[in-house]
Amino acid sequence: MSPRNVYSRPEVIGKKSIVLEGKEIHYTLRKSRFSDLIRLAIRSATGLVVTVPHQYNMNGLDDILLQRSAWILKHQNKMNANRFVLEDGLHDGQQVPYLGKLYTLRIKEGGERGHVSLAENTIHLLTGDKTPVEVMEKWYRHRAAGIVKTCLEKNASKMGLSFGRLCIRAQKTRWGSCTSMGDLNFNWKLATIPPEVMDYVVIHELSHRVEMNHTDRFWVIVEKYCPNWKTLRKQLKTYE
């Protein structure tokens, strides 16, 4: 490796944060000897990365980020909502999804037991004796159970179908499944996506009560009760 390759790597200065439109945005600040411009990038692993010239006067950086707030929020919100992985961990001030919208997470340690409450644009999490991830997953599961049950009963009635047991699971590759006995399993992460997309998932699984395979007949049933299923299916794939 040549000396130039070593020194051309941007130097990581550290983690910073800024409030944009009422939301606290965390970012990684880097300095580059070979860049004359300020560069912004949204990365799935690290979130917002801001790279500035090596001799840049940092006093003006906040103004630049405020000017680019629309771009930053648009792209970070899309990444956060569509690529939310609870197992990656949680931190105070992070944006977390619920029913397709993003909320600022506020974590407070202590208390007798873990608790989550929703207030306007904020989700408040009290850890108790659990980790934030454990408390949050339990909350998502509880929310998903109620929301999916309501959605399921509504659509089953509309479709004239019955179903067996409803179970909310942690599934890595599936949003839902239907057994030959009519039992329905759904991923708790349905609580993170928009209601209309969840509705498609529920109708999809209920349609398996009539046709277990993805035949032409199956998709005719889906389209009857969810005419825009193709659009919603594409949207669903962005959350996988």
Protein backbone atom coordinates (compact mmCIF):
# COMPACT_ATOMS: atom_id res chain seq x y z
CA MET A 1 0.00 0.00 0.00
CA SER A 2 1.43 3.35 -1.01
CA PRO A 3 1.81 6.27 1.44
CA ARG A 4 -0.73 8.26 -0.59
CA ASN A 5 -3.37 5.55 -0.08
CA VAL A 6 -2.80 5.67 3.67
CA TYR A 7 -3.02 9.45 3.95
CA SER A 8 -5.86 9.83 1.43
CA ARG A 9 -8.26 8.15 3.81
CA PRO A 10 -10.50 10.70 5.55
CA GLU A 11 -9.70 11.11 9.23
CA VAL A 12 -12.61 10.30 11.53
CA ILE A 13 -13.00 13.17 14.00
CA GLY A 14 -15.81 11.65 16.01
CA LYS A 15 -19.56 11.43 16.54
CA LYS A 16 -21.56 14.65 16.46
CA SER A 17 -25.22 15.62 16.50
CA ILE A 18 -27.43 18.45 15.29
CA VAL A 19 -31.13 19.23 15.64
CA LEU A 20 -32.89 19.48 12.28
CA GLU A 21 -36.58 20.40 12.26
CA GLY A 22 -36.91 19.30 15.86
CA LYS A 23 -35.16 15.96 15.35
CA GLU A 24 -31.75 15.15 16.79
CA ILE A 25 -29.59 13.74 14.01
CA HIS A 26 -26.37 11.89 14.87
CA TYR A 27 -23.56 11.86 12.34
CA THR A 28 -19.93 10.85 11.86
CA LEU A 29 -17.57 13.76 11.13
CA ARG A 30 -14.51 13.18 8.95
CA LYS A 31 -11.75 15.41 7.53
CA SER A 32 -10.12 14.80 4.17
CA ARG A 33 -6.82 16.19 2.84
CA PHE A 34 -7.90 15.52 -0.74
CA SER A 35 -11.32 17.12 -0.83
CA ASP A 36 -12.22 20.76 -1.39
CA LEU A 37 -15.93 20.20 -0.85
CA ILE A 38 -18.22 19.20 1.99
CA ARG A 39 -19.66 15.77 1.22
CA LEU A 40 -22.73 14.18 2.80
CA ALA A 41 -23.53 10.48 2.61
CA ILE A 42 -26.14 8.23 4.22
CA ARG A 43 -24.81 4.74 4.93
CA SER A 44 -26.76 1.78 6.25
CA ALA A 45 -24.09 0.87 8.80
CA THR A 46 -23.20 4.31 10.17
CA GLY A 47 -26.01 6.66 9.15
CA LEU A 48 -25.10 10.21 8.14
CA VAL A 49 -21.40 10.77 7.35
CA VAL A 50 -20.13 14.34 6.87
CA THR A 51 -16.72 14.79 5.23
CA VAL A 52 -15.12 18.26 5.25
CA PRO A 53 -11.81 19.62 3.85
CA HIS A 54 -8.89 19.25 6.25
CA GLN A 55 -8.54 23.00 6.91
CA TYR A 56 -12.27 23.66 7.05
CA ASN A 57 -13.53 26.19 9.62
CA MET A 58 -15.92 24.10 11.70
CA ASN A 59 -17.87 27.16 12.85
CA GLY A 60 -19.85 27.16 9.62
CA LEU A 61 -20.71 23.47 9.51
CA ASP A 62 -24.02 23.70 11.38
CA ASP A 63 -25.26 26.32 8.91
CA ILE A 64 -24.38 24.04 5.99
CA LEU A 65 -26.21 21.09 7.57
CA LEU A 66 -29.25 23.27 8.27
CA GLN A 67 -29.29 24.31 4.61
CA ARG A 68 -29.20 20.64 3.61
CA SER A 69 -31.72 19.55 6.25
CA ALA A 70 -34.41 18.57 3.73
CA TRP A 71 -32.03 16.22 1.91
CA ILE A 72 -30.62 14.77 5.14
CA LEU A 73 -34.01 14.10 6.71
CA LYS A 74 -35.50 12.67 3.52
CA HIS A 75 -32.73 10.13 2.98
CA GLN A 76 -32.12 9.26 6.62
CA ASN A 77 -35.82 8.80 7.30
CA LYS A 78 -36.11 6.46 4.33
CA MET A 79 -33.11 4.44 5.48
CA ASN A 80 -34.24 4.31 9.12
CA ALA A 81 -37.79 3.30 8.34
CA ASN A 82 -37.00 0.80 5.62
CA ARG A 83 -33.91 -0.81 7.12
CA PHE A 84 -34.76 -0.88 10.80
CA VAL A 85 -32.89 -3.70 12.56
CA LEU A 86 -33.66 -3.77 16.26
CA GLU A 87 -30.83 -6.21 16.92
CA ASP A 88 -28.32 -3.52 15.92
CA GLY A 89 -29.05 -1.83 19.24
CA LEU A 90 -30.74 1.39 20.30
CA HIS A 91 -29.45 4.75 21.47
CA ASP A 92 -31.09 7.83 22.91
CA GLY A 93 -32.20 10.25 20.21
CA GLN A 94 -32.41 7.59 17.52
CA GLN A 95 -35.25 7.61 15.00
CA VAL A 96 -37.38 4.47 15.27
CA PRO A 97 -40.37 3.46 13.11
CA TYR A 98 -43.92 2.77 14.19
CA LEU A 99 -46.68 2.21 11.62
CA GLY A 100 -44.53 3.74 8.89
CA LYS A 101 -43.72 6.95 10.75
CA LEU A 102 -40.50 7.87 12.52
CA TYR A 103 -40.36 8.81 16.19
CA THR A 104 -37.50 10.13 18.30
CA LEU A 105 -36.56 7.54 20.91
CA ARG A 106 -35.85 8.77 24.43
CA ILE A 107 -34.25 6.19 26.70
CA LYS A 108 -34.21 6.48 30.47
CA GLU A 109 -32.57 3.87 32.64
CA GLY A 110 -34.09 2.58 35.85
CA GLY A 111 -37.59 1.98 37.09
CA GLU A 112 -39.14 -1.18 38.46
CA ARG A 113 -39.92 -2.59 35.04
CA GLY A 114 -39.47 -1.77 31.39
CA HIS A 115 -42.08 0.48 29.87
CA VAL A 116 -42.70 2.24 26.54
CA SER A 117 -45.06 5.16 25.95
CA LEU A 118 -45.93 7.10 22.82
CA ALA A 119 -46.33 10.89 22.92
CA GLU A 120 -46.69 12.98 19.74
CA ASN A 121 -43.43 12.48 17.81
CA THR A 122 -41.54 10.79 20.64
CA ILE A 123 -41.32 7.26 22.03
CA HIS A 124 -40.26 7.19 25.69
CA LEU A 125 -38.55 4.01 26.89
CA LEU A 126 -37.88 3.16 30.54
CA THR A 127 -35.49 0.21 30.77
CA GLY A 128 -36.27 -1.28 34.20
CA ASP A 129 -33.98 -4.29 34.57
CA LYS A 130 -33.98 -5.03 30.82
CA THR A 131 -31.97 -3.75 27.87
CA PRO A 132 -33.58 -1.13 25.60
CA VAL A 133 -33.77 -3.73 22.81
CA GLU A 134 -35.63 -6.21 25.03
CA VAL A 135 -38.12 -3.59 26.18
CA MET A 136 -38.67 -2.25 22.67
CA GLU A 137 -39.21 -5.66 21.10
CA LYS A 138 -41.77 -6.57 23.77
CA TRP A 139 -43.61 -3.32 23.02
CA TYR A 140 -43.54 -3.92 19.27
CA ARG A 141 -44.86 -7.47 19.79
CA HIS A 142 -47.70 -6.22 21.96
CA ARG A 143 -48.63 -3.49 19.49
CA ALA A 144 -48.42 -5.85 16.53
CA ALA A 145 -50.68 -8.39 18.24
CA GLY A 146 -53.49 -5.88 18.67
CA ILE A 147 -53.13 -4.14 15.32
CA VAL A 148 -52.80 -7.34 13.29
CA LYS A 149 -55.75 -8.94 15.09
CA THR A 150 -57.98 -5.99 14.22
CA CYS A 151 -56.78 -5.96 10.60
CA LEU A 152 -57.18 -9.73 10.34
CA GLU A 153 -60.73 -9.80 11.69
CA LYS A 154 -61.76 -6.92 9.40
CA ASN A 155 -60.42 -8.56 6.26
CA ALA A 156 -61.54 -12.09 7.15
CA SER A 157 -65.08 -10.79 7.54
CA LYS A 158 -64.88 -8.93 4.23
CA MET A 159 -63.53 -12.02 2.46
CA GLY A 160 -65.94 -14.41 4.14
CA LEU A 161 -63.10 -16.50 5.58
CA SER A 162 -62.24 -18.02 8.93
CA PHE A 163 -58.83 -18.64 10.44
CA GLY A 164 -57.32 -20.61 13.29
CA ARG A 165 -54.72 -19.46 15.76
CA LEU A 166 -52.98 -16.09 15.42
CA CYS A 167 -49.33 -15.94 16.49
CA ILE A 168 -46.91 -13.01 16.46
CA ARG A 169 -43.33 -14.17 15.91
CA ALA A 170 -39.80 -12.88 15.35
CA GLN A 171 -39.15 -13.96 11.77
CA LYS A 172 -36.08 -12.92 9.81
CA THR A 173 -37.27 -13.71 6.29
CA ARG A 174 -41.07 -13.75 6.39
CA TRP A 175 -43.75 -11.18 7.09
CA GLY A 176 -46.40 -13.83 7.50
CA SER A 177 -47.38 -17.43 6.83
CA CYS A 178 -50.50 -19.58 6.76
CA THR A 179 -50.58 -23.27 7.72
CA SER A 180 -52.79 -25.91 6.12
CA MET A 181 -54.83 -25.88 9.35
CA GLY A 182 -55.57 -22.18 8.96
CA ASP A 183 -53.22 -20.92 11.67
CA LEU A 184 -51.65 -17.57 10.82
CA ASN A 185 -48.20 -16.37 11.85
CA PHE A 186 -47.11 -12.76 11.48
CA ASN A 187 -43.84 -10.92 12.05
CA TRP A 188 -43.89 -8.39 14.89
CA LYS A 189 -42.10 -5.98 12.55
CA LEU A 190 -45.45 -5.38 10.88
CA ALA A 191 -45.86 -2.79 13.65
CA THR A 192 -43.06 -0.76 12.02
CA ILE A 193 -44.50 -0.47 8.50
CA PRO A 194 -47.40 1.60 7.08
CA PRO A 195 -50.91 0.25 7.81
CA GLU A 196 -51.79 -0.08 4.12
CA VAL A 197 -48.76 -2.31 3.54
CA MET A 198 -49.67 -4.39 6.59
CA ASP A 199 -53.18 -4.70 5.15
CA TYR A 200 -51.71 -6.24 1.99
CA VAL A 201 -49.72 -8.78 4.04
CA VAL A 202 -52.84 -9.81 5.95
CA ILE A 203 -54.95 -10.16 2.78
CA HIS A 204 -52.12 -12.13 1.18
CA GLU A 205 -52.05 -14.65 4.03
CA LEU A 206 -55.84 -14.89 4.25
CA SER A 207 -55.94 -15.68 0.53
CA HIS A 208 -53.95 -18.81 1.33
CA ARG A 209 -57.04 -20.06 3.18
CA VAL A 210 -58.53 -20.53 -0.29
CA GLU A 211 -55.42 -21.34 -2.33
CA MET A 212 -52.21 -22.46 -0.58
CA ASN A 213 -49.96 -21.92 -3.60
CA HIS A 214 -49.16 -18.74 -5.50
CA THR A 215 -51.23 -19.73 -8.52
CA ASP A 216 -53.10 -17.42 -10.88
CA ARG A 217 -56.21 -18.16 -8.83
CA PHE A 218 -54.42 -16.99 -5.68
CA TRP A 219 -53.48 -13.62 -7.17
CA VAL A 220 -57.02 -13.12 -8.49
CA ILE A 221 -58.25 -13.41 -4.89
CA VAL A 222 -55.59 -10.99 -3.63
CA GLU A 223 -56.43 -8.45 -6.33
CA LYS A 224 -60.16 -8.67 -5.59
CA TYR A 225 -59.62 -7.47 -2.02
CA CYS A 226 -56.44 -5.45 -2.55
CA PRO A 227 -56.49 -3.92 -6.07
CA ASN A 228 -53.18 -2.07 -5.63
CA TRP A 229 -51.33 -5.13 -4.27
CA LYS A 230 -48.52 -4.85 -6.82
CA THR A 231 -47.61 -1.37 -5.63
CA LEU A 232 -47.85 -2.41 -1.98
CA ARG A 233 -45.76 -5.53 -2.58
CA LYS A 234 -42.99 -3.40 -4.09
CA GLN A 235 -43.20 -1.09 -1.11
CA LEU A 236 -43.01 -4.06 1.26
CA LYS A 237 -39.79 -5.24 -0.38
CA THR A 238 -38.09 -1.99 0.58
CA TYR A 239 -38.48 -2.97 4.24
CA GLU A 240 -36.79 -6.35 3.83
